[in-house]
PDB file of N, CA and C in Angstrom:
ATOM      1  N   MET A   1       1.901 -13.434   0.202  1.00  0.00           N
ATOM      2  CA  MET A   1       2.721 -12.750   1.190  1.00  0.00           C
ATOM      3  C   MET A   1       3.918 -12.155   0.503  1.00  0.00           C
ATOM      4  N   LEU A   2       4.256 -10.945   0.881  1.00  0.00           N
ATOM      5  CA  LEU A   2       5.387 -10.259   0.306  1.00  0.00           C
ATOM      6  C   LEU A   2       6.588 -10.373   1.236  1.00  0.00           C
ATOM      7  N   GLU A   3       7.758 -10.252   0.684  1.00  0.00           N
ATOM      8  CA  GLU A   3       8.977 -10.265   1.480  1.00  0.00           C
ATOM      9  C   GLU A   3       9.090  -8.918   2.206  1.00  0.00           C
ATOM     10  N   ASN A   4       9.525  -8.938   3.464  1.00  0.00           N
ATOM     11  CA  ASN A   4       9.636  -7.754   4.296  1.00  0.00           C
ATOM     12  C   ASN A   4       8.318  -7.001   4.393  1.00  0.00           C
ATOM     13  N   GLU A   5       7.202  -7.716   4.317  1.00  0.00           N
ATOM     14  CA  GLU A   5       5.886  -7.089   4.337  1.00  0.00           C
ATOM     15  C   GLU A   5       5.600  -6.453   5.691  1.00  0.00           C
ATOM     16  N   ILE A   6       5.084  -5.222   5.628  1.00  0.00           N
ATOM     17  CA  ILE A   6       4.613  -4.581   6.867  1.00  0.00           C
ATOM     18  C   ILE A   6       3.223  -4.029   6.620  1.00  0.00           C
ATOM     19  N   GLY A   7       2.437  -4.015   7.659  1.00  0.00           N
ATOM     20  CA  GLY A   7       1.121  -3.401   7.586  1.00  0.00           C
ATOM     21  C   GLY A   7       1.274  -1.907   7.742  1.00  0.00           C
ATOM     22  N   ILE A   8       0.616  -1.171   6.876  1.00  0.00           N
ATOM     23  CA  ILE A   8       0.686   0.288   6.903  1.00  0.00           C
ATOM     24  C   ILE A   8      -0.482   0.857   7.707  1.00  0.00           C
ATOM     25  N   ILE A   9      -1.692   0.441   7.338  1.00  0.00           N
ATOM     26  CA  ILE A   9      -2.902   0.912   8.010  1.00  0.00           C
ATOM     27  C   ILE A   9      -4.019  -0.073   7.725  1.00  0.00           C
ATOM     28  N   GLU A  10      -4.983  -0.168   8.639  1.00  0.00           N
ATOM     29  CA  GLU A  10      -6.126  -1.047   8.434  1.00  0.00           C
ATOM     30  C   GLU A  10      -7.363  -0.400   9.024  1.00  0.00           C
ATOM     31  N   SER A  11      -8.506  -0.842   8.560  1.00  0.00           N
ATOM     32  CA  SER A  11      -9.754  -0.320   9.106  1.00  0.00           C
ATOM     33  C   SER A  11     -10.181  -1.174  10.292  1.00  0.00           C
ATOM     34  N   ILE A  12     -11.129  -0.659  11.022  1.00  0.00           N
ATOM     35  CA  ILE A  12     -11.683  -1.375  12.180  1.00  0.00           C
ATOM     36  C   ILE A  12     -12.413  -2.597  11.645  1.00  0.00           C
ATOM     37  N   ASP A  13     -12.139  -3.751  12.219  1.00  0.00           N
ATOM     38  CA  ASP A  13     -12.698  -4.985  11.698  1.00  0.00           C
ATOM     39  C   ASP A  13     -14.077  -5.346  12.265  1.00  0.00           C
ATOM     40  N   ASP A  14     -14.696  -4.426  12.957  1.00  0.00           N
ATOM     41  CA  ASP A  14     -16.036  -4.687  13.527  1.00  0.00           C
ATOM     42  C   ASP A  14     -17.156  -4.372  12.544  1.00  0.00           C
ATOM     43  N   PHE A  15     -16.844  -3.965  11.348  1.00  0.00           N
ATOM     44  CA  PHE A  15     -17.848  -3.566  10.374  1.00  0.00           C
ATOM     45  C   PHE A  15     -17.919  -4.562   9.224  1.00  0.00           C
ATOM     46  N   ASP A  16     -18.955  -4.428   8.399  1.00  0.00           N
ATOM     47  CA  ASP A  16     -19.130  -5.319   7.248  1.00  0.00           C
ATOM     48  C   ASP A  16     -18.183  -4.986   6.108  1.00  0.00           C
ATOM     49  N   THR A  17     -17.609  -3.789   6.101  1.00  0.00           N
ATOM     50  CA  THR A  17     -16.591  -3.425   5.127  1.00  0.00           C
ATOM     51  C   THR A  17     -15.283  -3.212   5.855  1.00  0.00           C
ATOM     52  N   TRP A  18     -14.208  -3.561   5.224  1.00  0.00           N
ATOM     53  CA  TRP A  18     -12.891  -3.343   5.821  1.00  0.00           C
ATOM     54  C   TRP A  18     -11.867  -3.156   4.715  1.00  0.00           C
ATOM     55  N   ALA A  19     -10.763  -2.523   5.078  1.00  0.00           N
ATOM     56  CA  ALA A  19      -9.697  -2.249   4.127  1.00  0.00           C
ATOM     57  C   ALA A  19      -8.364  -2.254   4.862  1.00  0.00           C
ATOM     58  N   TYR A  20      -7.307  -2.493   4.100  1.00  0.00           N
ATOM     59  CA  TYR A  20      -5.982  -2.444   4.693  1.00  0.00           C
ATOM     60  C   TYR A  20      -4.949  -2.160   3.588  1.00  0.00           C
ATOM     61  N   ILE A  21      -3.799  -1.728   4.022  1.00  0.00           N
ATOM     62  CA  ILE A  21      -2.672  -1.487   3.133  1.00  0.00           C
ATOM     63  C   ILE A  21      -1.456  -2.188   3.714  1.00  0.00           C
ATOM     64  N   VAL A  22      -0.748  -2.927   2.855  1.00  0.00           N
ATOM     65  CA  VAL A  22       0.529  -3.528   3.216  1.00  0.00           C
ATOM     66  C   VAL A  22       1.536  -3.126   2.163  1.00  0.00           C
ATOM     67  N   ALA A  23       2.803  -3.204   2.529  1.00  0.00           N
ATOM     68  CA  ALA A  23       3.898  -2.907   1.589  1.00  0.00           C
ATOM     69  C   ALA A  23       5.001  -3.921   1.800  1.00  0.00           C
ATOM     70  N   GLY A  24       5.620  -4.330   0.719  1.00  0.00           N
ATOM     71  CA  GLY A  24       6.709  -5.279   0.768  1.00  0.00           C
ATOM     72  C   GLY A  24       7.239  -5.539  -0.629  1.00  0.00           C
ATOM     73  N   TYR A  25       8.053  -6.564  -0.766  1.00  0.00           N
ATOM     74  CA  TYR A  25       8.715  -6.849  -2.039  1.00  0.00           C
ATOM     75  C   TYR A  25       8.309  -8.187  -2.597  1.00  0.00           C
ATOM     76  N   ASP A  26       8.189  -8.242  -3.921  1.00  0.00           N
ATOM     77  CA  ASP A  26       7.911  -9.518  -4.575  1.00  0.00           C
ATOM     78  C   ASP A  26       9.257 -10.197  -4.918  1.00  0.00           C
ATOM     79  N   PHE A  27       9.198 -11.364  -5.531  1.00  0.00           N
ATOM     80  CA  PHE A  27      10.400 -12.125  -5.823  1.00  0.00           C
ATOM     81  C   PHE A  27      11.314 -11.450  -6.851  1.00  0.00           C
ATOM     82  N   ARG A  28      10.796 -10.446  -7.575  1.00  0.00           N
ATOM     83  CA  ARG A  28      11.604  -9.710  -8.562  1.00  0.00           C
ATOM     84  C   ARG A  28      12.276  -8.479  -7.959  1.00  0.00           C
ATOM     85  N   GLY A  29      12.058  -8.243  -6.680  1.00  0.00           N
ATOM     86  CA  GLY A  29      12.620  -7.050  -6.047  1.00  0.00           C
ATOM     87  C   GLY A  29      11.807  -5.781  -6.258  1.00  0.00           C
ATOM     88  N   ARG A  30      10.569  -5.957  -6.748  1.00  0.00           N
ATOM     89  CA  ARG A  30       9.692  -4.809  -6.945  1.00  0.00           C
ATOM     90  C   ARG A  30       8.987  -4.489  -5.630  1.00  0.00           C
ATOM     91  N   LEU A  31       8.849  -3.214  -5.346  1.00  0.00           N
ATOM     92  CA  LEU A  31       8.085  -2.787  -4.175  1.00  0.00           C
ATOM     93  C   LEU A  31       6.607  -2.826  -4.531  1.00  0.00           C
ATOM     94  N   ILE A  32       5.830  -3.489  -3.713  1.00  0.00           N
ATOM     95  CA  ILE A  32       4.374  -3.612  -3.907  1.00  0.00           C
ATOM     96  C   ILE A  32       3.707  -2.944  -2.729  1.00  0.00           C
ATOM     97  N   ILE A  33       2.835  -2.010  -3.048  1.00  0.00           N
ATOM     98  CA  ILE A  33       2.002  -1.361  -2.009  1.00  0.00           C
ATOM     99  C   ILE A  33       0.585  -1.776  -2.374  1.00  0.00           C
ATOM    100  N   LYS A  34      -0.015  -2.581  -1.501  1.00  0.00           N
ATOM    101  CA  LYS A  34      -1.292  -3.204  -1.805  1.00  0.00           C
ATOM    102  C   LYS A  34      -2.408  -2.656  -0.930  1.00  0.00           C
ATOM    103  N   TYR A  35      -3.463  -2.215  -1.596  1.00  0.00           N
ATOM    104  CA  TYR A  35      -4.668  -1.747  -0.922  1.00  0.00           C
ATOM    105  C   TYR A  35      -5.772  -2.754  -1.199  1.00  0.00           C
ATOM    106  N   ASP A  36      -6.385  -3.294  -0.153  1.00  0.00           N
ATOM    107  CA  ASP A  36      -7.477  -4.247  -0.299  1.00  0.00           C
ATOM    108  C   ASP A  36      -8.718  -3.701   0.390  1.00  0.00           C
ATOM    109  N   TYR A  37      -9.859  -3.873  -0.257  1.00  0.00           N
ATOM    110  CA  TYR A  37     -11.159  -3.472   0.271  1.00  0.00           C
ATOM    111  C   TYR A  37     -12.101  -4.660   0.131  1.00  0.00           C
ATOM    112  N   SER A  38     -12.820  -4.996   1.214  1.00  0.00           N
ATOM    113  CA  SER A  38     -13.776  -6.102   1.186  1.00  0.00           C
ATOM    114  C   SER A  38     -15.091  -5.668   1.768  1.00  0.00           C
ATOM    115  N   ASP A  39     -16.172  -6.157   1.189  1.00  0.00           N
ATOM    116  CA  ASP A  39     -17.506  -5.879   1.646  1.00  0.00           C
ATOM    117  C   ASP A  39     -18.179  -7.233   1.874  1.00  0.00           C
ATOM    118  N   VAL A  40     -18.391  -7.582   3.129  1.00  0.00           N
ATOM    119  CA  VAL A  40     -18.950  -8.888   3.490  1.00  0.00           C
ATOM    120  C   VAL A  40     -20.325  -9.107   2.865  1.00  0.00           C
ATOM    121  N   ASN A  41     -21.155  -8.068   2.839  1.00  0.00           N
ATOM    122  CA  ASN A  41     -22.520  -8.218   2.331  1.00  0.00           C
ATOM    123  C   ASN A  41     -22.607  -8.135   0.805  1.00  0.00           C
ATOM    124  N   ASN A  42     -21.643  -7.534   0.161  1.00  0.00           N
ATOM    125  CA  ASN A  42     -21.649  -7.376  -1.290  1.00  0.00           C
ATOM    126  C   ASN A  42     -20.262  -7.724  -1.843  1.00  0.00           C
ATOM    127  N   PRO A  43     -19.920  -8.993  -1.924  1.00  0.00           N
ATOM    128  CA  PRO A  43     -18.568  -9.373  -2.348  1.00  0.00           C
ATOM    129  C   PRO A  43     -18.204  -8.901  -3.748  1.00  0.00           C
ATOM    130  N   HIS A  44     -19.204  -8.597  -4.579  1.00  0.00           N
ATOM    131  CA  HIS A  44     -18.875  -8.072  -5.913  1.00  0.00           C
ATOM    132  C   HIS A  44     -18.256  -6.673  -5.811  1.00  0.00           C
ATOM    133  N   ASN A  45     -18.364  -6.031  -4.640  1.00  0.00           N
ATOM    134  CA  ASN A  45     -17.727  -4.719  -4.422  1.00  0.00           C
ATOM    135  C   ASN A  45     -16.266  -4.836  -3.971  1.00  0.00           C
ATOM    136  N   ASP A  46     -15.808  -6.060  -3.688  1.00  0.00           N
ATOM    137  CA  ASP A  46     -14.411  -6.239  -3.259  1.00  0.00           C
ATOM    138  C   ASP A  46     -13.465  -5.817  -4.366  1.00  0.00           C
ATOM    139  N   TYR A  47     -12.379  -5.187  -3.982  1.00  0.00           N
ATOM    140  CA  TYR A  47     -11.335  -4.889  -4.962  1.00  0.00           C
ATOM    141  C   TYR A  47      -9.982  -4.703  -4.296  1.00  0.00           C
ATOM    142  N   SER A  48      -8.994  -4.757  -5.146  1.00  0.00           N
ATOM    143  CA  SER A  48      -7.619  -4.617  -4.710  1.00  0.00           C
ATOM    144  C   SER A  48      -6.883  -3.744  -5.705  1.00  0.00           C
ATOM    145  N   GLN A  49      -6.034  -2.877  -5.193  1.00  0.00           N
ATOM    146  CA  GLN A  49      -5.134  -2.099  -6.035  1.00  0.00           C
ATOM    147  C   GLN A  49      -3.718  -2.320  -5.574  1.00  0.00           C
ATOM    148  N   ARG A  50      -2.831  -2.478  -6.520  1.00  0.00           N
ATOM    149  CA  ARG A  50      -1.416  -2.655  -6.200  1.00  0.00           C
ATOM    150  C   ARG A  50      -0.640  -1.605  -6.957  1.00  0.00           C
ATOM    151  N   ALA A  51       0.111  -0.808  -6.216  1.00  0.00           N
ATOM    152  CA  ALA A  51       1.079   0.103  -6.829  1.00  0.00           C
ATOM    153  C   ALA A  51       2.389  -0.670  -6.872  1.00  0.00           C
ATOM    154  N   ILE A  52       2.948  -0.770  -8.059  1.00  0.00           N
ATOM    155  CA  ILE A  52       4.152  -1.582  -8.268  1.00  0.00           C
ATOM    156  C   ILE A  52       5.286  -0.660  -8.727  1.00  0.00           C
ATOM    157  N   ILE A  53       6.356  -0.687  -7.961  1.00  0.00           N
ATOM    158  CA  ILE A  53       7.534   0.109  -8.285  1.00  0.00           C
ATOM    159  C   ILE A  53       8.624  -0.882  -8.672  1.00  0.00           C
ATOM    160  N   ASP A  54       9.130  -0.776  -9.924  1.00  0.00           N
ATOM    161  CA  ASP A  54      10.122  -1.754 -10.353  1.00  0.00           C
ATOM    162  C   ASP A  54      11.445  -1.594  -9.594  1.00  0.00           C
ATOM    163  N   ALA A  55      12.273  -2.613  -9.685  1.00  0.00           N
ATOM    164  CA  ALA A  55      13.500  -2.675  -8.895  1.00  0.00           C
ATOM    165  C   ALA A  55      14.418  -1.490  -9.121  1.00  0.00           C
ATOM    166  N   ASP A  56      14.532  -1.007 -10.369  1.00  0.00           N
ATOM    167  CA  ASP A  56      15.379   0.164 -10.626  1.00  0.00           C
ATOM    168  C   ASP A  56      14.848   1.406  -9.929  1.00  0.00           C
ATOM    169  N   ASP A  57      13.528   1.613  -9.996  1.00  0.00           N
ATOM    170  CA  ASP A  57      12.949   2.775  -9.304  1.00  0.00           C
ATOM    171  C   ASP A  57      13.000   2.616  -7.785  1.00  0.00           C
ATOM    172  N   VAL A  58      13.008   1.393  -7.294  1.00  0.00           N
ATOM    173  CA  VAL A  58      13.175   1.156  -5.850  1.00  0.00           C
ATOM    174  C   VAL A  58      14.523   1.695  -5.415  1.00  0.00           C
ATOM    175  N   LYS A  59      15.563   1.422  -6.180  1.00  0.00           N
ATOM    176  CA  LYS A  59      16.900   1.922  -5.857  1.00  0.00           C
ATOM    177  C   LYS A  59      16.942   3.445  -5.891  1.00  0.00           C
ATOM    178  N   THR A  60      16.307   4.031  -6.900  1.00  0.00           N
ATOM    179  CA  THR A  60      16.247   5.496  -7.007  1.00  0.00           C
ATOM    180  C   THR A  60      15.482   6.091  -5.831  1.00  0.00           C
ATOM    181  N   LEU A  61      14.362   5.495  -5.501  1.00  0.00           N
ATOM    182  CA  LEU A  61      13.553   5.981  -4.388  1.00  0.00           C
ATOM    183  C   LEU A  61      14.317   5.882  -3.075  1.00  0.00           C
ATOM    184  N   ALA A  62      14.991   4.751  -2.870  1.00  0.00           N
ATOM    185  CA  ALA A  62      15.797   4.589  -1.650  1.00  0.00           C
ATOM    186  C   ALA A  62      16.876   5.648  -1.565  1.00  0.00           C
ATOM    187  N   HIS A  63      17.530   5.925  -2.678  1.00  0.00           N
ATOM    188  CA  HIS A  63      18.571   6.940  -2.703  1.00  0.00           C
ATOM    189  C   HIS A  63      18.001   8.311  -2.356  1.00  0.00           C
ATOM    190  N   ARG A  64      16.857   8.641  -2.937  1.00  0.00           N
ATOM    191  CA  ARG A  64      16.226   9.947  -2.651  1.00  0.00           C
ATOM    192  C   ARG A  64      15.753  10.065  -1.213  1.00  0.00           C
ATOM    193  N   LEU A  65      15.398   8.941  -0.628  1.00  0.00           N
ATOM    194  CA  LEU A  65      14.960   8.936   0.772  1.00  0.00           C
ATOM    195  C   LEU A  65      16.131   8.828   1.739  1.00  0.00           C
ATOM    196  N   GLY A  66      17.297   8.445   1.227  1.00  0.00           N
ATOM    197  CA  GLY A  66      18.469   8.285   2.078  1.00  0.00           C
ATOM    198  C   GLY A  66      18.398   7.063   2.965  1.00  0.00           C
ATOM    199  N   VAL A  67      17.789   6.006   2.454  1.00  0.00           N
ATOM    200  CA  VAL A  67      17.635   4.751   3.223  1.00  0.00           C
ATOM    201  C   VAL A  67      17.993   3.566   2.315  1.00  0.00           C
ATOM    202  N   ALA A  68      18.164   2.424   2.938  1.00  0.00           N
ATOM    203  CA  ALA A  68      18.343   1.172   2.176  1.00  0.00           C
ATOM    204  C   ALA A  68      16.980   0.773   1.588  1.00  0.00           C
ATOM    205  N   PRO A  69      16.974   0.082   0.436  1.00  0.00           N
ATOM    206  CA  PRO A  69      15.708  -0.286  -0.169  1.00  0.00           C
ATOM    207  C   PRO A  69      14.752  -1.039   0.763  1.00  0.00           C
ATOM    208  N   HIS A  70      15.273  -1.925   1.597  1.00  0.00           N
ATOM    209  CA  HIS A  70      14.376  -2.696   2.482  1.00  0.00           C
ATOM    210  C   HIS A  70      13.683  -1.830   3.533  1.00  0.00           C
ATOM    211  N   GLU A  71      14.153  -0.585   3.704  1.00  0.00           N
ATOM    212  CA  GLU A  71      13.566   0.327   4.692  1.00  0.00           C
ATOM    213  C   GLU A  71      12.397   1.151   4.135  1.00  0.00           C
ATOM    214  N   ILE A  72      12.191   1.113   2.833  1.00  0.00           N
ATOM    215  CA  ILE A  72      11.164   1.964   2.222  1.00  0.00           C
ATOM    216  C   ILE A  72       9.760   1.707   2.807  1.00  0.00           C
ATOM    217  N   PRO A  73       9.309   0.467   2.996  1.00  0.00           N
ATOM    218  CA  PRO A  73       7.982   0.285   3.581  1.00  0.00           C
ATOM    219  C   PRO A  73       7.839   0.972   4.971  1.00  0.00           C
ATOM    220  N   SER A  74       8.878   0.911   5.773  1.00  0.00           N
ATOM    221  CA  SER A  74       8.826   1.585   7.080  1.00  0.00           C
ATOM    222  C   SER A  74       8.778   3.104   6.926  1.00  0.00           C
ATOM    223  N   VAL A  75       9.497   3.628   5.949  1.00  0.00           N
ATOM    224  CA  VAL A  75       9.477   5.078   5.698  1.00  0.00           C
ATOM    225  C   VAL A  75       8.080   5.484   5.261  1.00  0.00           C
ATOM    226  N   ILE A  76       7.461   4.684   4.408  1.00  0.00           N
ATOM    227  CA  ILE A  76       6.090   4.977   3.979  1.00  0.00           C
ATOM    228  C   ILE A  76       5.142   5.009   5.191  1.00  0.00           C
ATOM    229  N   LYS A  77       5.282   4.035   6.057  1.00  0.00           N
ATOM    230  CA  LYS A  77       4.443   3.979   7.258  1.00  0.00           C
ATOM    231  C   LYS A  77       4.682   5.221   8.124  1.00  0.00           C
ATOM    232  N   GLU A  78       5.935   5.589   8.302  1.00  0.00           N
ATOM    233  CA  GLU A  78       6.252   6.798   9.086  1.00  0.00           C
ATOM    234  C   GLU A  78       5.691   8.054   8.441  1.00  0.00           C
ATOM    235  N   GLU A  79       5.694   8.098   7.120  1.00  0.00           N
ATOM    236  CA  GLU A  79       5.179   9.252   6.383  1.00  0.00           C
ATOM    237  C   GLU A  79       3.708   9.495   6.733  1.00  0.00           C
ATOM    238  N   LEU A  80       2.980   8.438   7.025  1.00  0.00           N
ATOM    239  CA  LEU A  80       1.574   8.535   7.389  1.00  0.00           C
ATOM    240  C   LEU A  80       1.385   8.669   8.889  1.00  0.00           C
ATOM    241  N   GLY A  81       2.418   9.021   9.600  1.00  0.00           N
ATOM    242  CA  GLY A  81       2.413   9.061  11.058  1.00  0.00           C
ATOM    243  C   GLY A  81       1.256   9.817  11.675  1.00  0.00           C
ATOM    244  N   SER A  82       0.744  10.831  10.973  1.00  0.00           N
ATOM    245  CA  SER A  82      -0.357  11.608  11.541  1.00  0.00           C
ATOM    246  C   SER A  82      -1.678  10.845  11.503  1.00  0.00           C
ATOM    247  N   LEU A  83      -1.736   9.773  10.699  1.00  0.00           N
ATOM    248  CA  LEU A  83      -2.956   8.962  10.641  1.00  0.00           C
ATOM    249  C   LEU A  83      -2.834   7.832  11.655  1.00  0.00           C
ATOM    250  N   SER A  84      -3.948   7.509  12.276  1.00  0.00           N
ATOM    251  CA  SER A  84      -3.992   6.373  13.171  1.00  0.00           C
ATOM    252  C   SER A  84      -3.756   5.094  12.364  1.00  0.00           C
ATOM    253  N   PRO A  85      -3.072   4.100  12.928  1.00  0.00           N
ATOM    254  CA  PRO A  85      -2.860   2.855  12.171  1.00  0.00           C
ATOM    255  C   PRO A  85      -4.137   2.049  11.995  1.00  0.00           C
ATOM    256  N   VAL A  86      -5.207   2.476  12.679  1.00  0.00           N
ATOM    257  CA  VAL A  86      -6.514   1.831  12.536  1.00  0.00           C
ATOM    258  C   VAL A  86      -7.546   2.937  12.330  1.00  0.00           C
ATOM    259  N   GLY A  87      -8.323   2.839  11.258  1.00  0.00           N
ATOM    260  CA  GLY A  87      -9.332   3.848  10.980  1.00  0.00           C
ATOM    261  C   GLY A  87     -10.509   3.242  10.285  1.00  0.00           C
ATOM    262  N   ASP A  88     -11.301   4.060   9.613  1.00  0.00           N
ATOM    263  CA  ASP A  88     -12.412   3.517   8.823  1.00  0.00           C
ATOM    264  C   ASP A  88     -11.937   3.308   7.395  1.00  0.00           C
ATOM    265  N   THR A  89     -12.773   2.717   6.569  1.00  0.00           N
ATOM    266  CA  THR A  89     -12.338   2.385   5.195  1.00  0.00           C
ATOM    267  C   THR A  89     -11.999   3.646   4.394  1.00  0.00           C
ATOM    268  N   SER A  90     -12.671   4.749   4.611  1.00  0.00           N
ATOM    269  CA  SER A  90     -12.334   5.964   3.876  1.00  0.00           C
ATOM    270  C   SER A  90     -10.965   6.502   4.280  1.00  0.00           C
ATOM    271  N   THR A  91     -10.596   6.331   5.544  1.00  0.00           N
ATOM    272  CA  THR A  91      -9.264   6.747   5.990  1.00  0.00           C
ATOM    273  C   THR A  91      -8.186   5.898   5.323  1.00  0.00           C
ATOM    274  N   VAL A  92      -8.448   4.618   5.181  1.00  0.00           N
ATOM    275  CA  VAL A  92      -7.480   3.738   4.532  1.00  0.00           C
ATOM    276  C   VAL A  92      -7.336   4.107   3.065  1.00  0.00           C
ATOM    277  N   ARG A  93      -8.438   4.402   2.395  1.00  0.00           N
ATOM    278  CA  ARG A  93      -8.395   4.822   0.988  1.00  0.00           C
ATOM    279  C   ARG A  93      -7.620   6.139   0.854  1.00  0.00           C
ATOM    280  N   TYR A  94      -7.876   7.061   1.754  1.00  0.00           N
ATOM    281  CA  TYR A  94      -7.151   8.331   1.753  1.00  0.00           C
ATOM    282  C   TYR A  94      -5.647   8.088   1.930  1.00  0.00           C
ATOM    283  N   ALA A  95      -5.295   7.176   2.825  1.00  0.00           N
ATOM    284  CA  ALA A  95      -3.885   6.845   3.056  1.00  0.00           C
ATOM    285  C   ALA A  95      -3.222   6.308   1.797  1.00  0.00           C
ATOM    286  N   PHE A  96      -3.931   5.475   1.028  1.00  0.00           N
ATOM    287  CA  PHE A  96      -3.375   4.928  -0.198  1.00  0.00           C
ATOM    288  C   PHE A  96      -3.079   6.066  -1.187  1.00  0.00           C
ATOM    289  N   LYS A  97      -3.996   6.998  -1.306  1.00  0.00           N
ATOM    290  CA  LYS A  97      -3.783   8.149  -2.182  1.00  0.00           C
ATOM    291  C   LYS A  97      -2.576   8.965  -1.718  1.00  0.00           C
ATOM    292  N   GLU A  98      -2.455   9.143  -0.440  1.00  0.00           N
ATOM    293  CA  GLU A  98      -1.317   9.908   0.100  1.00  0.00           C
ATOM    294  C   GLU A  98      -0.006   9.190  -0.179  1.00  0.00           C
ATOM    295  N   ILE A  99       0.000   7.875  -0.094  1.00  0.00           N
ATOM    296  CA  ILE A  99       1.212   7.105  -0.395  1.00  0.00           C
ATOM    297  C   ILE A  99       1.580   7.312  -1.869  1.00  0.00           C
ATOM    298  N   LEU A 100       0.602   7.249  -2.765  1.00  0.00           N
ATOM    299  CA  LEU A 100       0.895   7.454  -4.177  1.00  0.00           C
ATOM    300  C   LEU A 100       1.451   8.857  -4.436  1.00  0.00           C
ATOM    301  N   LEU A 101       0.887   9.848  -3.779  1.00  0.00           N
ATOM    302  CA  LEU A 101       1.401  11.220  -3.928  1.00  0.00           C
ATOM    303  C   LEU A 101       2.843  11.325  -3.390  1.00  0.00           C
ATOM    304  N   PHE A 102       3.128  10.663  -2.309  1.00  0.00           N
ATOM    305  CA  PHE A 102       4.467  10.636  -1.741  1.00  0.00           C
ATOM    306  C   PHE A 102       5.460  10.056  -2.743  1.00  0.00           C
ATOM    307  N   ILE A 103       5.083   8.960  -3.387  1.00  0.00           N
ATOM    308  CA  ILE A 103       5.948   8.330  -4.376  1.00  0.00           C
ATOM    309  C   ILE A 103       6.198   9.280  -5.559  1.00  0.00           C
ATOM    310  N   ILE A 104       5.149   9.933  -6.008  1.00  0.00           N
ATOM    311  CA  ILE A 104       5.279  10.886  -7.128  1.00  0.00           C
ATOM    312  C   ILE A 104       6.180  12.060  -6.719  1.00  0.00           C
ATOM    313  N   GLU A 105       5.983  12.568  -5.512  1.00  0.00           N
ATOM    314  CA  GLU A 105       6.823  13.671  -5.021  1.00  0.00           C
ATOM    315  C   GLU A 105       8.292  13.307  -4.997  1.00  0.00           C
ATOM    316  N   LYS A 106       8.588  12.051  -4.770  1.00  0.00           N
ATOM    317  CA  LYS A 106       9.974  11.578  -4.743  1.00  0.00           C
ATOM    318  C   LYS A 106      10.450  11.185  -6.145  1.00  0.00           C
ATOM    319  N   GLN A 107       9.639  11.490  -7.136  1.00  0.00           N
ATOM    320  CA  GLN A 107       9.945  11.272  -8.548  1.00  0.00           C
ATOM    321  C   GLN A 107      10.218   9.816  -8.906  1.00  0.00           C
ATOM    322  N   ALA A 108       9.486   8.936  -8.256  1.00  0.00           N
ATOM    323  CA  ALA A 108       9.556   7.509  -8.583  1.00  0.00           C
ATOM    324  C   ALA A 108       8.318   7.180  -9.422  1.00  0.00           C
ATOM    325  N   GLN A 109       8.435   6.158 -10.215  1.00  0.00           N
ATOM    326  CA  GLN A 109       7.346   5.724 -11.089  1.00  0.00           C
ATOM    327  C   GLN A 109       6.690   4.481 -10.494  1.00  0.00           C
ATOM    328  N   TYR A 110       5.402   4.377 -10.671  1.00  0.00           N
ATOM    329  CA  TYR A 110       4.702   3.163 -10.275  1.00  0.00           C
ATOM    330  C   TYR A 110       3.658   2.810 -11.330  1.00  0.00           C
ATOM    331  N   LYS A 111       3.252   1.568 -11.315  1.00  0.00           N
ATOM    332  CA  LYS A 111       2.189   1.096 -12.188  1.00  0.00           C
ATOM    333  C   LYS A 111       1.090   0.588 -11.270  1.00  0.00           C
ATOM    334  N   LEU A 112      -0.162   0.869 -11.620  1.00  0.00           N
ATOM    335  CA  LEU A 112      -1.284   0.393 -10.823  1.00  0.00           C
ATOM    336  C   LEU A 112      -1.915  -0.834 -11.499  1.00  0.00           C
ATOM    337  N   GLU A 113      -2.207  -1.835 -10.679  1.00  0.00           N
ATOM    338  CA  GLU A 113      -2.963  -2.991 -11.131  1.00  0.00           C
ATOM    339  C   GLU A 113      -4.210  -3.100 -10.261  1.00  0.00           C
ATOM    340  N   ASN A 114      -5.327  -3.367 -10.878  1.00  0.00           N
ATOM    341  CA  ASN A 114      -6.608  -3.494 -10.170  1.00  0.00           C
ATOM    342  C   ASN A 114      -7.184  -4.878 -10.379  1.00  0.00           C
ATOM    343  N   SER A 115      -7.856  -5.375  -9.361  1.00  0.00           N
ATOM    344  CA  SER A 115      -8.622  -6.598  -9.507  1.00  0.00           C
ATOM    345  C   SER A 115      -9.900  -6.451  -8.678  1.00  0.00           C
ATOM    346  N   TYR A 116     -10.934  -7.143  -9.143  1.00  0.00           N
ATOM    347  CA  TYR A 116     -12.266  -6.940  -8.567  1.00  0.00           C
ATOM    348  C   TYR A 116     -12.921  -8.276  -8.212  1.00  0.00           C
ATOM    349  N   GLY A 117     -13.863  -8.213  -7.270  1.00  0.00           N
ATOM    350  CA  GLY A 117     -14.662  -9.370  -6.915  1.00  0.00           C
ATOM    351  C   GLY A 117     -14.020 -10.230  -5.833  1.00  0.00           C
ATOM    352  N   ARG A 118     -14.785 -11.174  -5.352  1.00  0.00           N
ATOM    353  CA  ARG A 118     -14.339 -12.064  -4.283  1.00  0.00           C
ATOM    354  C   ARG A 118     -13.062 -12.777  -4.691  1.00  0.00           C
ATOM    355  N   GLY A 119     -12.086 -12.754  -3.814  1.00  0.00           N
ATOM    356  CA  GLY A 119     -10.827 -13.440  -4.080  1.00  0.00           C
ATOM    357  C   GLY A 119      -9.886 -12.664  -4.960  1.00  0.00           C
ATOM    358  N   HIS A 120     -10.296 -11.484  -5.420  1.00  0.00           N
ATOM    359  CA  HIS A 120      -9.536 -10.643  -6.319  1.00  0.00           C
ATOM    360  C   HIS A 120      -8.196 -11.234  -6.501  1.00  0.00           C
TER     361      HIS A 120
END
């Protein structure tokens, strides 16, 4: 669980595959935007991606957005306002890509970490 964690978007949970995105802060003050994908029938297809923005870039990003650092996850969610907060897994994946583009447009740096398989 992340500090100040908010849900950004999730897929419909009535299917065998599902995905979601959350954003919040780790104990180092880094902004973590986490995309998780799970496949009930094929757990080897499960994966997670985390975009990690270090504490210095969080301050820069907050300044460029004109908000306090703790407000950035809400701003990201608002940025995706045209997307429904619940969609299919491809919509959630598209949203993650849009979030990364938004971060780049604001000239902030992030690092991606990937993990695969059940329990990633």
